[in-house]
Amino acid sequence: PGILSYDIIRNSRIQISDCLKVNPEEIIFTGSGSEANNA
């Protein structure tokens, strides 16, 4: 189940990075946009 969850996150990272034409490893998930701005 953990591996499945990891793969789901990995796939989402790729989906977002594809939109931006960047590397998946350059996408960090946060709890909100405000947290992302703070981070």
PDB file of all heavy atoms in Angstrom:
ATOM      1  N   PRO A   1       0.821  -1.221   0.000  1.00  0.00           N
ATOM      2  CA  PRO A   1       0.000   0.000   0.000  1.00  0.00           C
ATOM      3  C   PRO A   1       0.851   1.266   0.000  1.00  0.00           C
ATOM      4  O   PRO A   1       0.484   2.264  -0.627  1.00  0.00           O
ATOM      5  CB  PRO A   1      -0.822  -0.123   1.282  1.00  0.00           C
ATOM      6  CG  PRO A   1      -0.879  -1.589   1.561  1.00  0.00           C
ATOM      7  CD  PRO A   1       0.449  -2.117   1.127  1.00  0.00           C
ATOM      8  N   GLY A   2       1.993   1.232   0.697  1.00  0.00           N
ATOM      9  CA  GLY A   2       2.882   2.386   0.724  1.00  0.00           C
ATOM     10  C   GLY A   2       3.501   2.662  -0.627  1.00  0.00           C
ATOM     11  O   GLY A   2       3.614   3.815  -1.062  1.00  0.00           O
ATOM     12  N   ILE A   3       3.892   1.580  -1.304  1.00  0.00           N
ATOM     13  CA  ILE A   3       4.482   1.733  -2.639  1.00  0.00           C
ATOM     14  C   ILE A   3       3.453   2.298  -3.608  1.00  0.00           C
ATOM     15  O   ILE A   3       3.758   3.161  -4.441  1.00  0.00           O
ATOM     16  CB  ILE A   3       5.025   0.378  -3.134  1.00  0.00           C
ATOM     17  CG1 ILE A   3       6.226  -0.050  -2.272  1.00  0.00           C
ATOM     18  CG2 ILE A   3       5.441   0.468  -4.606  1.00  0.00           C
ATOM     19  CD1 ILE A   3       6.684  -1.468  -2.521  1.00  0.00           C
ATOM     20  N   LEU A   4       2.208   1.834  -3.491  1.00  0.00           N
ATOM     21  CA  LEU A   4       1.141   2.362  -4.337  1.00  0.00           C
ATOM     22  C   LEU A   4       0.952   3.857  -4.107  1.00  0.00           C
ATOM     23  O   LEU A   4       0.821   4.642  -5.059  1.00  0.00           O
ATOM     24  CB  LEU A   4      -0.161   1.620  -4.056  1.00  0.00           C
ATOM     25  CG  LEU A   4      -1.409   2.133  -4.794  1.00  0.00           C
ATOM     26  CD1 LEU A   4      -1.233   2.042  -6.303  1.00  0.00           C
ATOM     27  CD2 LEU A   4      -2.646   1.354  -4.351  1.00  0.00           C
ATOM     28  N   SER A   5       0.953   4.268  -2.833  1.00  0.00           N
ATOM     29  CA  SER A   5       0.803   5.691  -2.511  1.00  0.00           C
ATOM     30  C   SER A   5       1.972   6.505  -3.047  1.00  0.00           C
ATOM     31  O   SER A   5       1.791   7.616  -3.565  1.00  0.00           O
ATOM     32  CB  SER A   5       0.687   5.863  -0.989  1.00  0.00           C
ATOM     33  OG  SER A   5      -0.488   5.267  -0.504  1.00  0.00           O
ATOM     34  N   TYR A   6       3.187   5.963  -2.926  1.00  0.00           N
ATOM     35  CA  TYR A   6       4.376   6.642  -3.452  1.00  0.00           C
ATOM     36  C   TYR A   6       4.235   6.844  -4.957  1.00  0.00           C
ATOM     37  O   TYR A   6       4.540   7.924  -5.485  1.00  0.00           O
ATOM     38  CB  TYR A   6       5.631   5.827  -3.140  1.00  0.00           C
ATOM     39  CG  TYR A   6       6.897   6.429  -3.692  1.00  0.00           C
ATOM     40  CD1 TYR A   6       7.645   7.353  -2.943  1.00  0.00           C
ATOM     41  CD2 TYR A   6       7.352   6.096  -4.973  1.00  0.00           C
ATOM     42  CE1 TYR A   6       8.807   7.916  -3.464  1.00  0.00           C
ATOM     43  CE2 TYR A   6       8.497   6.664  -5.499  1.00  0.00           C
ATOM     44  CZ  TYR A   6       9.220   7.573  -4.742  1.00  0.00           C
ATOM     45  OH  TYR A   6      10.360   8.131  -5.264  1.00  0.00           O
ATOM     46  N   ASP A   7       3.765   5.820  -5.649  1.00  0.00           N
ATOM     47  CA  ASP A   7       3.614   5.900  -7.104  1.00  0.00           C
ATOM     48  C   ASP A   7       2.559   6.930  -7.503  1.00  0.00           C
ATOM     49  O   ASP A   7       2.697   7.603  -8.531  1.00  0.00           O
ATOM     50  CB  ASP A   7       3.250   4.529  -7.670  1.00  0.00           C
ATOM     51  CG  ASP A   7       4.422   3.547  -7.630  1.00  0.00           C
ATOM     52  OD1 ASP A   7       5.567   4.009  -7.474  1.00  0.00           O
ATOM     53  OD2 ASP A   7       4.178   2.330  -7.727  1.00  0.00           O
ATOM     54  N   ILE A   8       1.502   7.041  -6.703  1.00  0.00           N
ATOM     55  CA  ILE A   8       0.467   8.044  -6.979  1.00  0.00           C
ATOM     56  C   ILE A   8       1.065   9.444  -6.898  1.00  0.00           C
ATOM     57  O   ILE A   8       0.823  10.298  -7.762  1.00  0.00           O
ATOM     58  CB  ILE A   8      -0.706   7.896  -5.988  1.00  0.00           C
ATOM     59  CG1 ILE A   8      -1.496   6.619  -6.285  1.00  0.00           C
ATOM     60  CG2 ILE A   8      -1.636   9.123  -6.063  1.00  0.00           C
ATOM     61  CD1 ILE A   8      -2.558   6.296  -5.247  1.00  0.00           C
ATOM     62  N   ILE A   9       1.854   9.692  -5.851  1.00  0.00           N
ATOM     63  CA  ILE A   9       2.494  10.998  -5.695  1.00  0.00           C
ATOM     64  C   ILE A   9       3.473  11.256  -6.838  1.00  0.00           C
ATOM     65  O   ILE A   9       3.529  12.357  -7.400  1.00  0.00           O
ATOM     66  CB  ILE A   9       3.203  11.093  -4.336  1.00  0.00           C
ATOM     67  CG1 ILE A   9       2.172  11.081  -3.203  1.00  0.00           C
ATOM     68  CG2 ILE A   9       4.067  12.353  -4.248  1.00  0.00           C
ATOM     69  CD1 ILE A   9       2.775  11.055  -1.812  1.00  0.00           C
ATOM     70  N   ARG A  10       4.235  10.240  -7.177  1.00  0.00           N
ATOM     71  CA  ARG A  10       5.206  10.377  -8.266  1.00  0.00           C
ATOM     72  C   ARG A  10       4.500  10.746  -9.573  1.00  0.00           C
ATOM     73  O   ARG A  10       4.936  11.627 -10.311  1.00  0.00           O
ATOM     74  CB  ARG A  10       5.976   9.055  -8.427  1.00  0.00           C
ATOM     75  CG  ARG A  10       6.897   8.982  -9.626  1.00  0.00           C
ATOM     76  CD  ARG A  10       8.107   9.875  -9.472  1.00  0.00           C
ATOM     77  NE  ARG A  10       8.998   9.763 -10.615  1.00  0.00           N
ATOM     78  CZ  ARG A  10      10.065  10.514 -10.814  1.00  0.00           C
ATOM     79  NH1 ARG A  10      10.382  11.438  -9.925  1.00  0.00           N
ATOM     80  NH2 ARG A  10      10.825  10.363 -11.873  1.00  0.00           N
ATOM     81  N   ASN A  11       3.384  10.080  -9.845  1.00  0.00           N
ATOM     82  CA  ASN A  11       2.638  10.367 -11.067  1.00  0.00           C
ATOM     83  C   ASN A  11       2.112  11.799 -11.070  1.00  0.00           C
ATOM     84  O   ASN A  11       2.159  12.494 -12.091  1.00  0.00           O
ATOM     85  CB  ASN A  11       1.480   9.379 -11.206  1.00  0.00           C
ATOM     86  CG  ASN A  11       0.710   9.562 -12.501  1.00  0.00           C
ATOM     87  OD1 ASN A  11       1.281   9.514 -13.587  1.00  0.00           O
ATOM     88  ND2 ASN A  11      -0.594   9.794 -12.390  1.00  0.00           N
ATOM     89  N   SER A  12       1.622  12.273  -9.914  1.00  0.00           N
ATOM     90  CA  SER A  12       1.127  13.650  -9.819  1.00  0.00           C
ATOM     91  C   SER A  12       2.266  14.646 -10.012  1.00  0.00           C
ATOM     92  O   SER A  12       2.086  15.695 -10.644  1.00  0.00           O
ATOM     93  CB  SER A  12       0.461  13.871  -8.460  1.00  0.00           C
ATOM     94  OG  SER A  12      -0.675  13.050  -8.323  1.00  0.00           O
ATOM     95  N   ARG A  13       3.420  14.310  -9.485  1.00  0.00           N
ATOM     96  CA  ARG A  13       4.586  15.186  -9.642  1.00  0.00           C
ATOM     97  C   ARG A  13       4.944  15.314 -11.128  1.00  0.00           C
ATOM     98  O   ARG A  13       5.279  16.406 -11.611  1.00  0.00           O
ATOM     99  CB  ARG A  13       5.771  14.598  -8.859  1.00  0.00           C
ATOM    100  CG  ARG A  13       6.699  15.634  -8.251  1.00  0.00           C
ATOM    101  CD  ARG A  13       7.901  15.003  -7.577  1.00  0.00           C
ATOM    102  NE  ARG A  13       7.568  14.135  -6.472  1.00  0.00           N
ATOM    103  CZ  ARG A  13       7.322  14.530  -5.226  1.00  0.00           C
ATOM    104  NH1 ARG A  13       7.357  15.828  -4.951  1.00  0.00           N
ATOM    105  NH2 ARG A  13       7.049  13.675  -4.273  1.00  0.00           N
ATOM    106  N   ILE A  14       4.852  14.202 -11.831  1.00  0.00           N
ATOM    107  CA  ILE A  14       5.148  14.213 -13.265  1.00  0.00           C
ATOM    108  C   ILE A  14       4.095  15.018 -14.026  1.00  0.00           C
ATOM    109  O   ILE A  14       4.422  15.785 -14.941  1.00  0.00           O
ATOM    110  CB  ILE A  14       5.216  12.766 -13.804  1.00  0.00           C
ATOM    111  CG1 ILE A  14       6.454  12.058 -13.237  1.00  0.00           C
ATOM    112  CG2 ILE A  14       5.248  12.745 -15.321  1.00  0.00           C
ATOM    113  CD1 ILE A  14       6.510  10.571 -13.536  1.00  0.00           C
ATOM    114  N   GLN A  15       2.830  14.863 -13.643  1.00  0.00           N
ATOM    115  CA  GLN A  15       1.761  15.600 -14.327  1.00  0.00           C
ATOM    116  C   GLN A  15       1.959  17.105 -14.206  1.00  0.00           C
ATOM    117  O   GLN A  15       1.768  17.851 -15.177  1.00  0.00           O
ATOM    118  CB  GLN A  15       0.401  15.192 -13.752  1.00  0.00           C
ATOM    119  CG  GLN A  15      -0.034  13.794 -14.150  1.00  0.00           C
ATOM    120  CD  GLN A  15      -1.324  13.373 -13.474  1.00  0.00           C
ATOM    121  OE1 GLN A  15      -1.517  13.604 -12.276  1.00  0.00           O
ATOM    122  NE2 GLN A  15      -2.220  12.750 -14.223  1.00  0.00           N
ATOM    123  N   ILE A  16       2.349  17.569 -13.023  1.00  0.00           N
ATOM    124  CA  ILE A  16       2.559  19.005 -12.826  1.00  0.00           C
ATOM    125  C   ILE A  16       3.846  19.461 -13.502  1.00  0.00           C
ATOM    126  O   ILE A  16       3.882  20.522 -14.156  1.00  0.00           O
ATOM    127  CB  ILE A  16       2.564  19.341 -11.321  1.00  0.00           C
ATOM    128  CG1 ILE A  16       1.158  19.124 -10.743  1.00  0.00           C
ATOM    129  CG2 ILE A  16       3.036  20.778 -11.077  1.00  0.00           C
ATOM    130  CD1 ILE A  16       1.062  19.296  -9.248  1.00  0.00           C
ATOM    131  N   SER A  17       4.898  18.679 -13.374  1.00  0.00           N
ATOM    132  CA  SER A  17       6.183  19.062 -13.993  1.00  0.00           C
ATOM    133  C   SER A  17       6.067  19.091 -15.518  1.00  0.00           C
ATOM    134  O   SER A  17       6.707  19.921 -16.179  1.00  0.00           O
ATOM    135  CB  SER A  17       7.301  18.114 -13.555  1.00  0.00           C
ATOM    136  OG  SER A  17       7.062  16.788 -14.007  1.00  0.00           O
ATOM    137  N   ASP A  18       5.250  18.211 -16.084  1.00  0.00           N
ATOM    138  CA  ASP A  18       5.050  18.226 -17.536  1.00  0.00           C
ATOM    139  C   ASP A  18       4.407  19.536 -17.990  1.00  0.00           C
ATOM    140  O   ASP A  18       4.707  20.042 -19.080  1.00  0.00           O
ATOM    141  CB  ASP A  18       4.170  17.046 -17.959  1.00  0.00           C
ATOM    142  CG  ASP A  18       4.930  15.731 -18.014  1.00  0.00           C
ATOM    143  OD1 ASP A  18       6.171  15.753 -17.909  1.00  0.00           O
ATOM    144  OD2 ASP A  18       4.283  14.675 -18.150  1.00  0.00           O
ATOM    145  N   CYS A  19       3.504  20.071 -17.164  1.00  0.00           N
ATOM    146  CA  CYS A  19       2.871  21.357 -17.504  1.00  0.00           C
ATOM    147  C   CYS A  19       3.900  22.477 -17.579  1.00  0.00           C
ATOM    148  O   CYS A  19       3.764  23.405 -18.379  1.00  0.00           O
ATOM    149  CB  CYS A  19       1.823  21.730 -16.451  1.00  0.00           C
ATOM    150  SG  CYS A  19       0.349  20.700 -16.436  1.00  0.00           S
ATOM    151  N   LEU A  20       4.910  22.389 -16.726  1.00  0.00           N
ATOM    152  CA  LEU A  20       5.898  23.461 -16.592  1.00  0.00           C
ATOM    153  C   LEU A  20       7.183  23.188 -17.362  1.00  0.00           C
ATOM    154  O   LEU A  20       8.064  24.058 -17.415  1.00  0.00           O
ATOM    155  CB  LEU A  20       6.243  23.666 -15.104  1.00  0.00           C
ATOM    156  CG  LEU A  20       5.067  23.949 -14.165  1.00  0.00           C
ATOM    157  CD1 LEU A  20       5.552  24.032 -12.713  1.00  0.00           C
ATOM    158  CD2 LEU A  20       4.374  25.249 -14.554  1.00  0.00           C
ATOM    159  N   LYS A  21       7.310  21.975 -17.920  1.00  0.00           N
ATOM    160  CA  LYS A  21       8.533  21.558 -18.620  1.00  0.00           C
ATOM    161  C   LYS A  21       9.747  21.626 -17.687  1.00  0.00           C
ATOM    162  O   LYS A  21      10.810  22.167 -18.031  1.00  0.00           O
ATOM    163  CB  LYS A  21       8.784  22.416 -19.871  1.00  0.00           C
ATOM    164  CG  LYS A  21       7.594  22.558 -20.800  1.00  0.00           C
ATOM    165  CD  LYS A  21       7.105  21.231 -21.313  1.00  0.00           C
ATOM    166  CE  LYS A  21       5.929  21.407 -22.274  1.00  0.00           C
ATOM    167  NZ  LYS A  21       5.175  20.176 -22.507  1.00  0.00           N
ATOM    168  N   VAL A  22       9.573  21.082 -16.490  1.00  0.00           N
ATOM    169  CA  VAL A  22      10.668  21.014 -15.512  1.00  0.00           C
ATOM    170  C   VAL A  22      10.830  19.571 -15.071  1.00  0.00           C
ATOM    171  O   VAL A  22      10.055  18.684 -15.449  1.00  0.00           O
ATOM    172  CB  VAL A  22      10.384  21.914 -14.288  1.00  0.00           C
ATOM    173  CG1 VAL A  22      10.233  23.366 -14.708  1.00  0.00           C
ATOM    174  CG2 VAL A  22       9.143  21.447 -13.532  1.00  0.00           C
ATOM    175  N   ASN A  23      11.827  19.301 -14.238  1.00  0.00           N
ATOM    176  CA  ASN A  23      12.060  17.956 -13.729  1.00  0.00           C
ATOM    177  C   ASN A  23      11.063  17.638 -12.618  1.00  0.00           C
ATOM    178  O   ASN A  23      10.763  18.501 -11.790  1.00  0.00           O
ATOM    179  CB  ASN A  23      13.481  17.829 -13.189  1.00  0.00           C
ATOM    180  CG  ASN A  23      14.534  18.064 -14.255  1.00  0.00           C
ATOM    181  OD1 ASN A  23      14.384  17.605 -15.389  1.00  0.00           O
ATOM    182  ND2 ASN A  23      15.591  18.785 -13.904  1.00  0.00           N
ATOM    183  N   PRO A  24      10.559  16.414 -12.544  1.00  0.00           N
ATOM    184  CA  PRO A  24       9.623  16.054 -11.471  1.00  0.00           C
ATOM    185  C   PRO A  24      10.196  16.311 -10.078  1.00  0.00           C
ATOM    186  O   PRO A  24       9.454  16.689  -9.158  1.00  0.00           O
ATOM    187  CB  PRO A  24       9.382  14.554 -11.697  1.00  0.00           C
ATOM    188  CG  PRO A  24       9.649  14.344 -13.148  1.00  0.00           C
ATOM    189  CD  PRO A  24      10.758  15.297 -13.485  1.00  0.00           C
ATOM    190  N   GLU A  25      11.508  16.122  -9.919  1.00  0.00           N
ATOM    191  CA  GLU A  25      12.140  16.321  -8.613  1.00  0.00           C
ATOM    192  C   GLU A  25      12.159  17.773  -8.176  1.00  0.00           C
ATOM    193  O   GLU A  25      12.495  18.087  -7.024  1.00  0.00           O
ATOM    194  CB  GLU A  25      13.583  15.775  -8.636  1.00  0.00           C
ATOM    195  CG  GLU A  25      13.682  14.272  -8.822  1.00  0.00           C
ATOM    196  CD  GLU A  25      13.445  13.836 -10.267  1.00  0.00           C
ATOM    197  OE1 GLU A  25      13.475  14.720 -11.173  1.00  0.00           O
ATOM    198  OE2 GLU A  25      13.197  12.632 -10.495  1.00  0.00           O
ATOM    199  N   GLU A  26      11.795  18.685  -9.083  1.00  0.00           N
ATOM    200  CA  GLU A  26      11.754  20.110  -8.746  1.00  0.00           C
ATOM    201  C   GLU A  26      10.377  20.548  -8.248  1.00  0.00           C
ATOM    202  O   GLU A  26      10.178  21.722  -7.943  1.00  0.00           O
ATOM    203  CB  GLU A  26      12.163  20.941  -9.969  1.00  0.00           C
ATOM    204  CG  GLU A  26      13.620  20.736 -10.375  1.00  0.00           C
ATOM    205  CD  GLU A  26      14.000  21.486 -11.643  1.00  0.00           C
ATOM    206  OE1 GLU A  26      13.323  21.281 -12.683  1.00  0.00           O
ATOM    207  OE2 GLU A  26      14.976  22.266 -11.605  1.00  0.00           O
ATOM    208  N   ILE A  27       9.442  19.604  -8.136  1.00  0.00           N
ATOM    209  CA  ILE A  27       8.100  19.896  -7.636  1.00  0.00           C
ATOM    210  C   ILE A  27       7.967  19.372  -6.207  1.00  0.00           C
ATOM    211  O   ILE A  27       8.142  18.179  -5.950  1.00  0.00           O
ATOM    212  CB  ILE A  27       7.011  19.257  -8.528  1.00  0.00           C
ATOM    213  CG1 ILE A  27       7.137  19.763  -9.965  1.00  0.00           C
ATOM    214  CG2 ILE A  27       5.623  19.548  -7.955  1.00  0.00           C
ATOM    215  CD1 ILE A  27       6.963  21.259 -10.116  1.00  0.00           C
ATOM    216  N   ILE A  28       7.661  20.274  -5.277  1.00  0.00           N
ATOM    217  CA  ILE A  28       7.500  19.934  -3.862  1.00  0.00           C
ATOM    218  C   ILE A  28       6.054  20.176  -3.471  1.00  0.00           C
ATOM    219  O   ILE A  28       5.528  21.276  -3.661  1.00  0.00           O
ATOM    220  CB  ILE A  28       8.428  20.809  -2.975  1.00  0.00           C
ATOM    221  CG1 ILE A  28       9.870  20.734  -3.468  1.00  0.00           C
ATOM    222  CG2 ILE A  28       8.316  20.403  -1.505  1.00  0.00           C
ATOM    223  CD1 ILE A  28      10.470  19.359  -3.497  1.00  0.00           C
ATOM    224  N   PHE A  29       5.388  19.172  -2.921  1.00  0.00           N
ATOM    225  CA  PHE A  29       4.000  19.333  -2.508  1.00  0.00           C
ATOM    226  C   PHE A  29       3.906  19.941  -1.116  1.00  0.00           C
ATOM    227  O   PHE A  29       4.687  19.607  -0.220  1.00  0.00           O
ATOM    228  CB  PHE A  29       3.261  17.996  -2.569  1.00  0.00           C
ATOM    229  CG  PHE A  29       3.004  17.535  -3.967  1.00  0.00           C
ATOM    230  CD1 PHE A  29       3.670  16.421  -4.480  1.00  0.00           C
ATOM    231  CD2 PHE A  29       2.125  18.231  -4.790  1.00  0.00           C
ATOM    232  CE1 PHE A  29       3.442  16.009  -5.783  1.00  0.00           C
ATOM    233  CE2 PHE A  29       1.901  17.825  -6.099  1.00  0.00           C
ATOM    234  CZ  PHE A  29       2.563  16.706  -6.597  1.00  0.00           C
ATOM    235  N   THR A  30       2.936  20.835  -0.947  1.00  0.00           N
ATOM    236  CA  THR A  30       2.717  21.532   0.327  1.00  0.00           C
ATOM    237  C   THR A  30       1.244  21.404   0.714  1.00  0.00           C
ATOM    238  O   THR A  30       0.452  20.809  -0.011  1.00  0.00           O
ATOM    239  CB  THR A  30       3.075  23.030   0.199  1.00  0.00           C
ATOM    240  OG1 THR A  30       2.156  23.653  -0.726  1.00  0.00           O
ATOM    241  CG2 THR A  30       4.498  23.220  -0.298  1.00  0.00           C
ATOM    242  N   GLY A  31       0.894  21.985   1.853  1.00  0.00           N
ATOM    243  CA  GLY A  31      -0.477  21.920   2.331  1.00  0.00           C
ATOM    244  C   GLY A  31      -1.380  23.013   1.794  1.00  0.00           C
ATOM    245  O   GLY A  31      -2.590  22.969   2.000  1.00  0.00           O
ATOM    246  N   SER A  32      -0.814  24.000   1.083  1.00  0.00           N
ATOM    247  CA  SER A  32      -1.615  25.098   0.530  1.00  0.00           C
ATOM    248  C   SER A  32      -0.712  26.007  -0.294  1.00  0.00           C
ATOM    249  O   SER A  32       0.524  25.904  -0.227  1.00  0.00           O
ATOM    250  CB  SER A  32      -2.265  25.918   1.655  1.00  0.00           C
ATOM    251  OG  SER A  32      -1.279  26.596   2.415  1.00  0.00           O
ATOM    252  N   GLY A  33      -1.344  26.922  -1.005  1.00  0.00           N
ATOM    253  CA  GLY A  33      -0.576  27.932  -1.729  1.00  0.00           C
ATOM    254  C   GLY A  33       0.130  28.880  -0.787  1.00  0.00           C
ATOM    255  O   GLY A  33       1.265  29.295  -1.034  1.00  0.00           O
ATOM    256  N   SER A  34      -0.537  29.229   0.314  1.00  0.00           N
ATOM    257  CA  SER A  34       0.076  30.137   1.295  1.00  0.00           C
ATOM    258  C   SER A  34       1.324  29.506   1.903  1.00  0.00           C
ATOM    259  O   SER A  34       2.334  30.186   2.116  1.00  0.00           O
ATOM    260  CB  SER A  34      -0.924  30.485   2.399  1.00  0.00           C
ATOM    261  OG  SER A  34      -1.940  31.332   1.911  1.00  0.00           O
ATOM    262  N   GLU A  35       1.250  28.202   2.181  1.00  0.00           N
ATOM    263  CA  GLU A  35       2.445  27.530   2.713  1.00  0.00           C
ATOM    264  C   GLU A  35       3.572  27.537   1.689  1.00  0.00           C
ATOM    265  O   GLU A  35       4.738  27.747   2.031  1.00  0.00           O
ATOM    266  CB  GLU A  35       2.118  26.090   3.106  1.00  0.00           C
ATOM    267  CG  GLU A  35       3.309  25.381   3.730  1.00  0.00           C
ATOM    268  CD  GLU A  35       3.150  23.876   3.846  1.00  0.00           C
ATOM    269  OE1 GLU A  35       2.022  23.405   4.099  1.00  0.00           O
ATOM    270  OE2 GLU A  35       4.156  23.164   3.669  1.00  0.00           O
ATOM    271  N   ALA A  36       3.201  27.321   0.422  1.00  0.00           N
ATOM    272  CA  ALA A  36       4.215  27.331  -0.632  1.00  0.00           C
ATOM    273  C   ALA A  36       4.894  28.696  -0.722  1.00  0.00           C
ATOM    274  O   ALA A  36       6.118  28.790  -0.864  1.00  0.00           O
ATOM    275  CB  ALA A  36       3.571  26.956  -1.964  1.00  0.00           C
ATOM    276  N   ASN A  37       4.113  29.779  -0.629  1.00  0.00           N
ATOM    277  CA  ASN A  37       4.696  31.127  -0.649  1.00  0.00           C
ATOM    278  C   ASN A  37       5.635  31.331   0.527  1.00  0.00           C
ATOM    279  O   ASN A  37       6.730  31.888   0.383  1.00  0.00           O
ATOM    280  CB  ASN A  37       3.581  32.177  -0.619  1.00  0.00           C
ATOM    281  CG  ASN A  37       2.928  32.391  -1.967  1.00  0.00           C
ATOM    282  OD1 ASN A  37       3.528  32.136  -3.006  1.00  0.00           O
ATOM    283  ND2 ASN A  37       1.685  32.847  -1.972  1.00  0.00           N
ATOM    284  N   ASN A  38       5.195  30.909   1.713  1.00  0.00           N
ATOM    285  CA  ASN A  38       6.044  31.023   2.902  1.00  0.00           C
ATOM    286  C   ASN A  38       7.321  30.206   2.740  1.00  0.00           C
ATOM    287  O   ASN A  38       8.416  30.669   3.091  1.00  0.00           O
ATOM    288  CB  ASN A  38       5.277  30.560   4.139  1.00  0.00           C
ATOM    289  CG  ASN A  38       4.462  31.648   4.791  1.00  0.00           C
ATOM    290  OD1 ASN A  38       4.866  32.242   5.783  1.00  0.00           O
ATOM    291  ND2 ASN A  38       3.302  31.929   4.223  1.00  0.00           N
ATOM    292  N   ALA A  39       7.183  28.982   2.244  1.00  0.00           N
ATOM    293  CA  ALA A  39       8.340  28.100   2.093  1.00  0.00           C
ATOM    294  C   ALA A  39       9.353  28.673   1.117  1.00  0.00           C
ATOM    295  O   ALA A  39      10.570  28.577   1.344  1.00  0.00           O
ATOM    296  CB  ALA A  39       7.877  26.719   1.632  1.00  0.00           C
TER     297      ALA A  39
END
